[in-house]
Amino acid sequence: MIKPEQPRIEIDDLAAVVRESIAAQKHRNDREFTNGSPATTSPASAKFPELKLQPDFQPRSNNRYHISDLLRYHDRAFVDNSYRAVLKRPPDATELARDLKRIRSGDFNKIDLLATLRYSNEGKAKGVELDGLKLPALVRQLGQLPFIGYFFRLAIAIARLPNQVRDQREFAGYVLSQNQQTADFINARLTEINEGVSRVEETLSKQLRTETELLHDQTRKIRIQTERLHHRIHGAADKGLDTVRLDELYAALEDRFRGTREEIKDRMRIYLPYVEAARDSVVIDLGCGRGEWLELMKEAGISARGVETNVVAIEQCRRRGLEVVESDVLAHLQSLSDASAGAITGFHIIEHVSVETLVRLLDEVLRVLRPGGIAIFETPNPENILVGSNFFYLDPTHKHPLPRELMQFLFDNRGFDRVEVLNLHPWEAGRVAGEGELAERFNGLLYGPMDYAVLGWKVDGNDK
């Protein structure tokens, strides 16, 4: 993976421009909000009004109410406000549950609850007056008398029938008005939310266009730098620059853009579980470079051998006591016996060869692997726009990017039994803050996985 935080390719400048653009946009939004512009009001920052289907209860300092002050409330609000008015306290959970159940059953009505509270010992001690309660409470008591109570309730019901019909109509109208009020409230909130989403989408679209323009400008600059480096390398070769000096140049290029040894080792730890099964055999690392992967396997007690042509990298590996063969990777594989390796790996080498060589390389890898052995190749991920258009070309020896779908196809086509792909090294520090599908797509395209690894297993002889 090409290390992104490098002044040479001006990525710091690109990140700074992105941050400044976002900060400027936020400043504009804040300023417009202060000036009262409705176009920049964020639904997340605006507090929705509370929906109230029944009026708030207002306690009276003179401790005197009329029953109509409380009868206008219904269900939970009626129970709660009755306690607050008569007993000057809210009901506890047990009282609320009990009284709601009784009222909802229909056998116990609002007058019964008001009378129960007012004439209880606690109610008498509070001394709250409820005008208009005595007569309805007396009527309810007479209706509870044995035998005669039935006829009394029947007479009262017949007498009240016109009022009950009227009350029923009023209640039906009340329910409809409550439903309409609820619907109006929900529709108003949905309208505000949709408007807010539209504003966020418009803002993100503008930011995306701005960042895309900046990216194109940075791409042009980076390509110019790459072309200059390419011309310098070829110009030096034309003047008779020897192989050792070219190796030194490439080693310096890798040191500049790849990352420190510890960073590379830390990234490669993910592969240790995959080569654990090759502990009783040998792991061959093609194009081992500075030897970070060889060193990591040595520390884990796994036998490994590197293959490299760069004399500078070979010397670095051998100074650390690592086994390295100076050879072309394809030639070395062709010299090995069938089924002689438990695992074969290659990190950022397949993008350096032609398609014809890559196919021959995979054929040799499959031949040299023992049954059940694994091949692992890591390469830059061209699905990341920064990698596919910029970072990939920092190495002038790269041939062309390799999409993961192509590598999966080649592994399948050349006979690997099982193929997996690991997405690696997202650039988390470069992500643009924001939520939603547009922000995620933007961050995925620019700051998603910068590398991927394709893993393939050779058919295990025991599975046949």
Protein backbone atom coordinates (compact mmCIF):
# COMPACT_ATOMS: atom_id res chain seq x y z
CA MET A 1 0.00 0.00 0.00
CA ILE A 2 1.25 3.49 -0.83
CA LYS A 3 1.46 5.51 2.36
CA PRO A 4 -0.94 8.48 2.00
CA GLU A 5 0.55 11.00 4.46
CA GLN A 6 3.37 12.26 2.27
CA PRO A 7 4.30 15.90 1.51
CA ARG A 8 5.83 14.74 -1.78
CA ILE A 9 2.42 13.99 -3.25
CA GLU A 10 0.72 16.90 -1.46
CA ILE A 11 -1.92 14.74 0.25
CA ASP A 12 -1.60 16.89 3.36
CA ASP A 13 -2.54 19.86 1.20
CA LEU A 14 -5.51 17.95 -0.21
CA ALA A 15 -6.73 17.00 3.27
CA ALA A 16 -6.29 20.57 4.45
CA VAL A 17 -8.34 21.88 1.54
CA VAL A 18 -11.08 19.35 2.29
CA ARG A 19 -11.16 20.35 5.98
CA GLU A 20 -11.17 24.07 5.12
CA SER A 21 -14.02 23.55 2.66
CA ILE A 22 -16.13 21.73 5.25
CA ALA A 23 -15.31 24.34 7.92
CA ALA A 24 -16.23 27.16 5.54
CA GLN A 25 -19.51 25.47 4.68
CA LYS A 26 -20.31 25.03 8.38
CA HIS A 27 -19.46 28.70 9.01
CA ARG A 28 -21.81 29.76 6.20
CA ASN A 29 -24.59 27.59 7.57
CA ASP A 30 -24.12 28.95 11.10
CA ARG A 31 -24.09 32.55 9.83
CA GLU A 32 -27.20 32.08 7.74
CA PHE A 33 -28.96 30.40 10.66
CA THR A 34 -28.08 33.38 12.88
CA ASN A 35 -29.54 35.73 10.25
CA GLY A 36 -32.79 33.76 10.37
CA SER A 37 -32.54 32.06 6.99
CA PRO A 38 -34.99 29.15 6.93
CA ALA A 39 -33.00 27.43 4.16
CA THR A 40 -30.22 26.45 6.55
CA THR A 41 -32.26 25.40 9.58
CA SER A 42 -31.23 21.84 10.40
CA PRO A 43 -33.96 19.45 11.53
CA ALA A 44 -31.47 17.91 13.93
CA SER A 45 -30.82 21.26 15.64
CA ALA A 46 -34.46 22.41 15.74
CA LYS A 47 -36.48 21.04 18.65
CA PHE A 48 -39.84 19.64 17.60
CA PRO A 49 -42.88 21.07 19.44
CA GLU A 50 -44.60 18.72 21.86
CA LEU A 51 -47.93 17.22 20.81
CA LYS A 52 -50.61 17.80 23.48
CA LEU A 53 -54.04 16.26 22.93
CA GLN A 54 -55.45 17.49 26.25
CA PRO A 55 -54.97 20.87 27.96
CA ASP A 56 -52.46 21.27 30.77
CA PHE A 57 -53.81 21.11 34.32
CA GLN A 58 -53.53 24.38 36.27
CA PRO A 59 -53.75 23.96 40.10
CA ARG A 60 -55.70 26.64 41.92
CA SER A 61 -54.30 28.39 44.94
CA ASN A 62 -57.75 28.68 46.61
CA ASN A 63 -58.22 24.89 46.66
CA ARG A 64 -61.64 25.14 45.03
CA TYR A 65 -62.67 23.45 41.76
CA HIS A 66 -65.84 22.57 39.93
CA ILE A 67 -66.16 18.98 38.79
CA SER A 68 -66.34 20.20 35.17
CA ASP A 69 -62.74 21.43 35.57
CA LEU A 70 -61.69 17.79 35.89
CA LEU A 71 -64.35 15.94 33.88
CA ARG A 72 -63.01 17.48 30.68
CA TYR A 73 -59.94 15.23 31.00
CA HIS A 74 -59.96 11.60 29.92
CA ASP A 75 -58.27 8.34 30.85
CA ARG A 76 -54.72 8.73 32.22
CA ALA A 77 -54.85 12.54 32.20
CA PHE A 78 -58.11 12.47 34.22
CA VAL A 79 -56.70 10.14 36.89
CA ASP A 80 -53.45 12.08 37.18
CA ASN A 81 -55.11 15.51 37.32
CA SER A 82 -57.78 14.33 39.80
CA TYR A 83 -55.07 13.26 42.24
CA ARG A 84 -53.19 16.52 41.73
CA ALA A 85 -56.32 18.59 42.34
CA VAL A 86 -57.94 16.71 45.23
CA LEU A 87 -54.94 15.17 47.01
CA LYS A 88 -52.37 17.72 45.79
CA ARG A 89 -50.03 14.98 44.62
CA PRO A 90 -49.64 12.69 41.62
CA PRO A 91 -50.79 9.07 41.93
CA ASP A 92 -48.15 6.44 42.50
CA ALA A 93 -47.72 3.64 39.99
CA THR A 94 -50.05 1.24 41.86
CA GLU A 95 -52.82 3.82 42.25
CA LEU A 96 -52.58 4.87 38.61
CA ALA A 97 -52.74 1.30 37.31
CA ARG A 98 -55.63 0.39 39.65
CA ASP A 99 -57.79 3.42 38.87
CA LEU A 100 -57.15 3.26 35.12
CA LYS A 101 -58.26 -0.38 35.12
CA ARG A 102 -61.43 0.45 37.07
CA ILE A 103 -62.40 3.38 34.86
CA ARG A 104 -61.67 1.52 31.65
CA SER A 105 -63.90 -1.38 32.82
CA GLY A 106 -66.97 0.94 32.74
CA ASP A 107 -68.27 -0.08 36.19
CA PHE A 108 -66.42 2.76 37.89
CA ASN A 109 -66.79 6.22 36.36
CA LYS A 110 -65.21 9.62 36.82
CA ILE A 111 -67.70 10.72 39.52
CA ASP A 112 -66.89 7.56 41.50
CA LEU A 113 -63.16 8.36 41.41
CA LEU A 114 -63.66 12.02 42.38
CA ALA A 115 -65.95 11.04 45.27
CA THR A 116 -63.53 8.32 46.41
CA LEU A 117 -60.63 10.79 46.48
CA ARG A 118 -62.58 13.71 48.00
CA TYR A 119 -64.21 11.74 50.84
CA SER A 120 -61.15 9.63 51.66
CA ASN A 121 -59.27 10.41 54.86
CA GLU A 122 -56.46 11.96 52.84
CA GLY A 123 -58.93 13.98 50.77
CA LYS A 124 -60.69 15.29 53.89
CA ALA A 125 -57.33 16.30 55.36
CA LYS A 126 -56.44 18.26 52.22
CA GLY A 127 -59.71 20.18 52.40
CA VAL A 128 -60.12 20.75 48.66
CA GLU A 129 -63.67 21.76 47.63
CA LEU A 130 -65.28 20.16 44.54
CA ASP A 131 -68.40 22.10 43.62
CA GLY A 132 -71.08 20.06 41.89
CA LEU A 133 -69.87 16.71 43.27
CA LYS A 134 -72.44 15.98 46.03
CA LEU A 135 -75.51 15.37 43.90
CA PRO A 136 -73.81 13.16 41.24
CA ALA A 137 -72.04 11.26 44.03
CA LEU A 138 -75.33 10.71 45.87
CA VAL A 139 -76.98 9.47 42.69
CA ARG A 140 -74.11 7.01 42.18
CA GLN A 141 -74.47 5.79 45.79
CA LEU A 142 -78.24 5.25 45.44
CA GLY A 143 -77.56 3.26 42.28
CA GLN A 144 -75.44 0.84 44.32
CA LEU A 145 -78.26 -0.06 46.77
CA PRO A 146 -79.44 -3.71 46.65
CA PHE A 147 -82.52 -4.37 44.49
CA ILE A 148 -83.85 -0.81 44.48
CA GLY A 149 -80.57 0.38 43.06
CA TYR A 150 -81.23 -1.44 39.81
CA PHE A 151 -84.54 0.35 39.22
CA PHE A 152 -83.01 3.64 40.30
CA ARG A 153 -80.16 3.22 37.78
CA LEU A 154 -82.69 2.24 35.11
CA ALA A 155 -84.76 5.36 35.73
CA ILE A 156 -81.71 7.56 35.71
CA ALA A 157 -80.48 5.95 32.50
CA ILE A 158 -83.85 6.53 30.77
CA ALA A 159 -83.93 10.11 31.96
CA ARG A 160 -80.38 10.71 30.81
CA LEU A 161 -80.74 8.92 27.48
CA PRO A 162 -81.05 12.14 25.39
CA ASN A 163 -78.02 13.58 27.16
CA GLN A 164 -76.09 10.34 26.67
CA VAL A 165 -76.87 10.38 22.94
CA ARG A 166 -75.66 13.98 22.79
CA ASP A 167 -72.57 13.13 24.84
CA GLN A 168 -71.85 10.18 22.58
CA ARG A 169 -71.97 12.39 19.52
CA GLU A 170 -69.78 14.97 21.20
CA PHE A 171 -67.29 12.25 22.16
CA ALA A 172 -67.20 10.89 18.61
CA GLY A 173 -66.50 14.41 17.37
CA TYR A 174 -63.82 14.79 20.04
CA VAL A 175 -62.11 11.55 18.95
CA LEU A 176 -62.17 12.64 15.32
CA SER A 177 -60.69 16.02 16.21
CA GLN A 178 -57.96 14.34 18.28
CA ASN A 179 -57.14 12.01 15.39
CA GLN A 180 -57.02 14.93 12.97
CA GLN A 181 -54.80 16.91 15.34
CA THR A 182 -52.44 13.94 15.62
CA ALA A 183 -52.36 13.49 11.85
CA ASP A 184 -51.70 17.20 11.30
CA PHE A 185 -48.87 17.12 13.82
CA ILE A 186 -47.24 14.06 12.23
CA ASN A 187 -47.60 15.48 8.71
CA ALA A 188 -46.04 18.77 9.78
CA ARG A 189 -43.07 16.98 11.36
CA LEU A 190 -42.63 14.76 8.27
CA THR A 191 -42.63 17.86 6.08
CA GLU A 192 -39.93 19.46 8.25
CA ILE A 193 -37.85 16.26 8.19
CA ASN A 194 -38.15 15.91 4.39
CA GLU A 195 -37.15 19.54 3.90
CA GLY A 196 -34.18 19.02 6.21
CA VAL A 197 -33.09 15.89 4.34
CA SER A 198 -33.33 17.76 1.04
CA ARG A 199 -31.15 20.56 2.40
CA VAL A 200 -28.55 18.07 3.69
CA GLU A 201 -28.50 16.27 0.32
CA GLU A 202 -28.04 19.58 -1.49
CA THR A 203 -25.20 20.58 0.85
CA LEU A 204 -23.45 17.22 0.44
CA SER A 205 -23.84 17.40 -3.34
CA LYS A 206 -22.20 20.83 -3.39
CA GLN A 207 -19.38 19.57 -1.17
CA LEU A 208 -18.89 16.52 -3.39
CA ARG A 209 -18.64 18.71 -6.51
CA THR A 210 -16.12 20.96 -4.76
CA GLU A 211 -14.00 18.07 -3.49
CA THR A 212 -14.12 16.38 -6.92
CA GLU A 213 -12.76 19.52 -8.54
CA LEU A 214 -9.99 19.66 -5.95
CA LEU A 215 -9.23 15.98 -6.49
CA HIS A 216 -8.92 16.45 -10.24
CA ASP A 217 -6.48 19.29 -9.66
CA GLN A 218 -4.40 17.18 -7.26
CA THR A 219 -4.53 14.26 -9.70
CA ARG A 220 -3.07 16.43 -12.44
CA LYS A 221 -0.24 17.60 -10.16
CA ILE A 222 0.57 14.07 -8.98
CA ARG A 223 0.65 12.72 -12.53
CA ILE A 224 3.04 15.48 -13.53
CA GLN A 225 5.32 14.54 -10.62
CA THR A 226 5.13 10.85 -11.57
CA GLU A 227 5.98 11.57 -15.18
CA ARG A 228 8.97 13.64 -14.10
CA LEU A 229 10.20 10.82 -11.87
CA HIS A 230 9.67 8.31 -14.67
CA HIS A 231 11.63 10.46 -17.10
CA ARG A 232 14.45 10.91 -14.60
CA ILE A 233 14.72 7.14 -14.08
CA HIS A 234 14.76 6.36 -17.79
CA GLY A 235 17.07 9.27 -18.49
CA ALA A 236 19.52 7.97 -15.91
CA ALA A 237 19.33 4.49 -17.43
CA ASP A 238 20.13 5.92 -20.86
CA LYS A 239 23.23 7.50 -19.36
CA GLY A 240 24.51 4.12 -18.15
CA LEU A 241 23.14 3.98 -14.57
CA ASP A 242 24.01 0.49 -13.32
CA THR A 243 21.61 -2.02 -11.78
CA VAL A 244 22.79 -1.44 -8.20
CA ARG A 245 22.03 2.27 -8.40
CA LEU A 246 18.58 1.52 -9.86
CA ASP A 247 17.96 -0.85 -6.97
CA GLU A 248 19.03 1.88 -4.56
CA LEU A 249 16.63 4.29 -6.22
CA TYR A 250 13.72 1.84 -5.98
CA ALA A 251 14.55 1.03 -2.35
CA ALA A 252 14.53 4.76 -1.55
CA LEU A 253 11.21 5.12 -3.39
CA GLU A 254 9.70 2.32 -1.30
CA ASP A 255 11.08 3.79 1.94
CA ARG A 256 9.54 7.14 1.04
CA PHE A 257 6.04 6.02 0.16
CA ARG A 258 5.43 2.52 1.61
CA GLY A 259 5.68 3.23 5.35
CA THR A 260 7.96 2.25 8.23
CA ARG A 261 8.91 -1.35 8.94
CA GLU A 262 6.77 -1.42 12.08
CA GLU A 263 3.75 -0.06 10.19
CA ILE A 264 4.12 -2.71 7.50
CA LYS A 265 4.57 -5.50 10.06
CA ASP A 266 1.51 -4.35 11.93
CA ARG A 267 -0.58 -4.42 8.73
CA MET A 268 0.66 -7.91 7.86
CA ARG A 269 -0.28 -9.51 11.18
CA ILE A 270 -3.72 -10.18 9.72
CA TYR A 271 -2.19 -12.93 7.54
CA LEU A 272 -0.52 -14.97 10.32
CA PRO A 273 -3.62 -17.14 11.03
CA TYR A 274 -3.85 -18.03 7.33
CA VAL A 275 -0.31 -19.45 7.16
CA GLU A 276 -0.46 -21.20 10.53
CA ALA A 277 -1.27 -24.48 8.77
CA ALA A 278 2.04 -24.24 6.87
CA ARG A 279 4.08 -24.33 10.09
CA ASP A 280 5.22 -27.89 9.33
CA SER A 281 6.25 -26.91 5.78
CA VAL A 282 7.68 -23.68 4.33
CA VAL A 283 6.19 -20.33 3.30
CA ILE A 284 7.65 -18.73 0.17
CA ASP A 285 7.31 -14.92 -0.02
CA LEU A 286 7.70 -13.69 -3.60
CA GLY A 287 9.19 -10.21 -3.93
CA CYS A 288 9.91 -10.05 -0.20
CA GLY A 289 11.31 -6.49 -0.35
CA ARG A 290 12.67 -5.29 2.98
CA GLY A 291 11.51 -8.53 4.64
CA GLU A 292 8.86 -7.32 7.09
CA TRP A 293 6.64 -10.35 6.40
CA LEU A 294 9.60 -12.74 6.67
CA GLU A 295 10.58 -11.15 9.98
CA LEU A 296 7.02 -11.43 11.31
CA MET A 297 6.84 -15.14 10.44
CA LYS A 298 10.26 -15.74 11.97
CA GLU A 299 9.05 -14.19 15.22
CA ALA A 300 6.00 -16.49 15.08
CA GLY A 301 8.20 -19.58 14.58
CA ILE A 302 7.07 -20.23 11.00
CA SER A 303 9.70 -21.36 8.47
CA ALA A 304 9.81 -18.91 5.56
CA ARG A 305 12.00 -18.05 2.57
CA GLY A 306 11.97 -14.87 0.51
CA VAL A 307 12.61 -14.37 -3.22
CA GLU A 308 13.94 -10.98 -4.38
CA THR A 309 16.00 -9.39 -7.17
CA ASN A 310 16.72 -6.00 -5.57
CA VAL A 311 20.24 -6.24 -4.17
CA VAL A 312 19.66 -3.46 -1.64
CA ALA A 313 16.56 -5.20 -0.23
CA ILE A 314 18.35 -8.56 -0.19
CA GLU A 315 21.21 -7.08 1.87
CA GLN A 316 18.72 -5.57 4.33
CA CYS A 317 17.02 -8.94 4.80
CA ARG A 318 20.24 -10.87 5.28
CA ARG A 319 21.50 -8.38 7.87
CA ARG A 320 18.42 -9.34 9.89
CA GLY A 321 19.15 -13.06 9.55
CA LEU A 322 16.35 -13.72 7.07
CA GLU A 323 16.60 -16.37 4.35
CA VAL A 324 16.37 -14.79 0.90
CA VAL A 325 17.06 -16.21 -2.57
CA GLU A 326 18.26 -13.78 -5.24
CA SER A 327 16.15 -14.78 -8.21
CA ASP A 328 13.29 -13.84 -10.47
CA VAL A 329 10.09 -15.05 -8.79
CA LEU A 330 8.82 -17.03 -11.78
CA ALA A 331 12.21 -18.66 -12.38
CA HIS A 332 12.45 -19.63 -8.72
CA LEU A 333 9.01 -21.22 -8.71
CA GLN A 334 9.86 -23.19 -11.85
CA SER A 335 12.89 -24.60 -10.06
CA LEU A 336 10.80 -26.03 -7.20
CA SER A 337 9.24 -29.47 -6.96
CA ASP A 338 5.51 -30.10 -7.07
CA ALA A 339 3.62 -29.73 -3.75
CA SER A 340 6.75 -28.48 -1.95
CA ALA A 341 5.36 -25.40 -0.15
CA GLY A 342 2.61 -24.95 2.43
CA ALA A 343 1.91 -21.32 1.48
CA ILE A 344 3.07 -18.81 -1.14
CA THR A 345 2.62 -15.08 -0.63
CA GLY A 346 3.30 -11.92 -2.58
CA PHE A 347 2.71 -8.38 -1.40
CA HIS A 348 2.42 -5.69 -4.06
CA ILE A 349 4.16 -7.67 -6.79
CA ILE A 350 1.39 -8.83 -9.16
CA GLU A 351 0.74 -5.26 -10.33
CA HIS A 352 4.38 -5.20 -11.57
CA VAL A 353 3.95 -7.97 -14.17
CA SER A 354 2.10 -8.37 -17.43
CA VAL A 355 -1.11 -10.39 -17.65
CA GLU A 356 0.72 -13.19 -19.47
CA THR A 357 3.33 -13.41 -16.71
CA LEU A 358 0.62 -13.23 -14.03
CA VAL A 359 -1.19 -16.24 -15.50
CA ARG A 360 2.06 -18.24 -15.67
CA LEU A 361 2.85 -17.16 -12.10
CA LEU A 362 -0.51 -18.43 -10.79
CA ASP A 363 -0.07 -21.73 -12.62
CA GLU A 364 3.35 -22.24 -11.01
CA VAL A 365 2.05 -21.22 -7.57
CA LEU A 366 -0.74 -23.80 -7.81
CA ARG A 367 1.74 -26.48 -8.89
CA VAL A 368 4.22 -25.77 -6.09
CA LEU A 369 1.57 -25.61 -3.33
CA ARG A 370 0.86 -28.81 -1.47
CA PRO A 371 -2.81 -29.94 -1.25
CA GLY A 372 -4.68 -27.61 1.10
CA GLY A 373 -1.98 -24.95 0.76
CA ILE A 374 -2.82 -21.28 0.44
CA ALA A 375 -1.74 -18.47 -1.90
CA ILE A 376 -2.00 -14.85 -0.72
CA PHE A 377 -1.44 -11.83 -2.95
CA GLU A 378 -1.98 -8.24 -1.82
CA THR A 379 -2.28 -5.39 -4.33
CA PRO A 380 -3.53 -1.78 -4.49
CA ASN A 381 -7.32 -1.43 -4.68
CA PRO A 382 -8.30 0.58 -7.80
CA GLU A 383 -11.89 0.89 -6.52
CA ASN A 384 -10.50 3.61 -4.24
CA ILE A 385 -10.36 6.69 -6.50
CA LEU A 386 -7.23 8.08 -4.83
CA VAL A 387 -5.43 4.76 -5.32
CA GLY A 388 -6.67 4.06 -8.82
CA SER A 389 -5.94 7.54 -10.16
CA ASN A 390 -3.05 8.75 -8.00
CA PHE A 391 -1.14 6.57 -5.54
CA PHE A 392 -0.82 3.60 -7.91
CA TYR A 393 1.32 5.66 -10.31
CA LEU A 394 3.79 6.77 -7.67
CA ASP A 395 5.64 3.55 -8.45
CA PRO A 396 6.79 3.87 -12.08
CA THR A 397 7.37 0.11 -12.31
CA HIS A 398 3.66 -0.64 -11.87
CA LYS A 399 2.07 -2.06 -15.01
CA HIS A 400 -1.65 -1.51 -14.42
CA PRO A 401 -4.20 -1.71 -11.58
CA LEU A 402 -5.87 -5.07 -10.99
CA PRO A 403 -9.58 -4.94 -10.00
CA ARG A 404 -10.47 -7.54 -7.42
CA GLU A 405 -13.12 -9.08 -9.72
CA LEU A 406 -10.34 -9.78 -12.24
CA MET A 407 -8.13 -11.44 -9.63
CA GLN A 408 -11.02 -13.54 -8.33
CA PHE A 409 -11.69 -14.68 -11.89
CA LEU A 410 -8.01 -15.54 -12.54
CA PHE A 411 -7.77 -17.55 -9.30
CA ASP A 412 -10.95 -19.45 -10.17
CA ASN A 413 -9.91 -19.92 -13.78
CA ARG A 414 -6.44 -21.28 -12.94
CA GLY A 415 -7.87 -23.96 -10.65
CA PHE A 416 -7.84 -22.71 -7.05
CA ASP A 417 -10.43 -24.55 -4.99
CA ARG A 418 -11.68 -21.67 -2.82
CA VAL A 419 -11.12 -17.93 -3.29
CA GLU A 420 -11.61 -15.11 -0.77
CA VAL A 421 -10.96 -11.35 -0.86
CA LEU A 422 -9.97 -9.18 2.10
CA ASN A 423 -10.52 -5.40 1.89
CA LEU A 424 -7.66 -3.66 3.68
CA HIS A 425 -6.33 -0.36 4.99
CA PRO A 426 -9.17 2.19 4.75
CA TRP A 427 -7.92 5.75 5.17
CA GLU A 428 -9.97 6.59 8.27
CA ALA A 429 -8.17 9.88 8.93
CA GLY A 430 -9.25 11.27 5.58
CA ARG A 431 -12.99 10.61 5.96
CA VAL A 432 -15.33 13.59 5.59
CA ALA A 433 -17.70 14.00 8.52
CA GLY A 434 -21.37 13.43 7.78
CA GLU A 435 -24.14 10.86 7.74
CA GLY A 436 -26.37 9.44 5.06
CA GLU A 437 -25.93 7.46 1.88
CA LEU A 438 -24.26 10.26 -0.06
CA ALA A 439 -21.59 10.85 2.61
CA GLU A 440 -20.92 7.11 2.92
CA ARG A 441 -20.54 6.71 -0.85
CA PHE A 442 -18.22 9.73 -1.00
CA ASN A 443 -16.03 8.39 1.82
CA GLY A 444 -16.09 4.88 0.36
CA LEU A 445 -14.88 6.04 -3.05
CA LEU A 446 -12.13 8.31 -1.72
CA TYR A 447 -11.14 6.89 1.66
CA GLY A 448 -12.29 3.26 1.56
CA PRO A 449 -9.95 0.23 1.45
CA MET A 450 -6.68 1.26 -0.25
CA ASP A 451 -5.55 -2.35 -0.75
CA TYR A 452 -7.11 -5.77 -1.00
CA ALA A 453 -5.78 -9.31 -0.72
CA VAL A 454 -6.93 -12.26 -2.78
CA LEU A 455 -6.57 -15.66 -1.08
CA GLY A 456 -6.84 -19.01 -2.84
CA TRP A 457 -6.56 -22.58 -1.55
CA LYS A 458 -5.35 -25.60 -3.48
CA VAL A 459 -7.74 -28.53 -3.43
CA ASP A 460 -7.03 -30.78 -0.50
CA GLY A 461 -6.31 -34.35 -1.60
CA ASN A 462 -8.44 -35.65 1.27
CA ASP A 463 -11.49 -33.85 -0.15
CA LYS A 464 -11.41 -35.73 -3.44
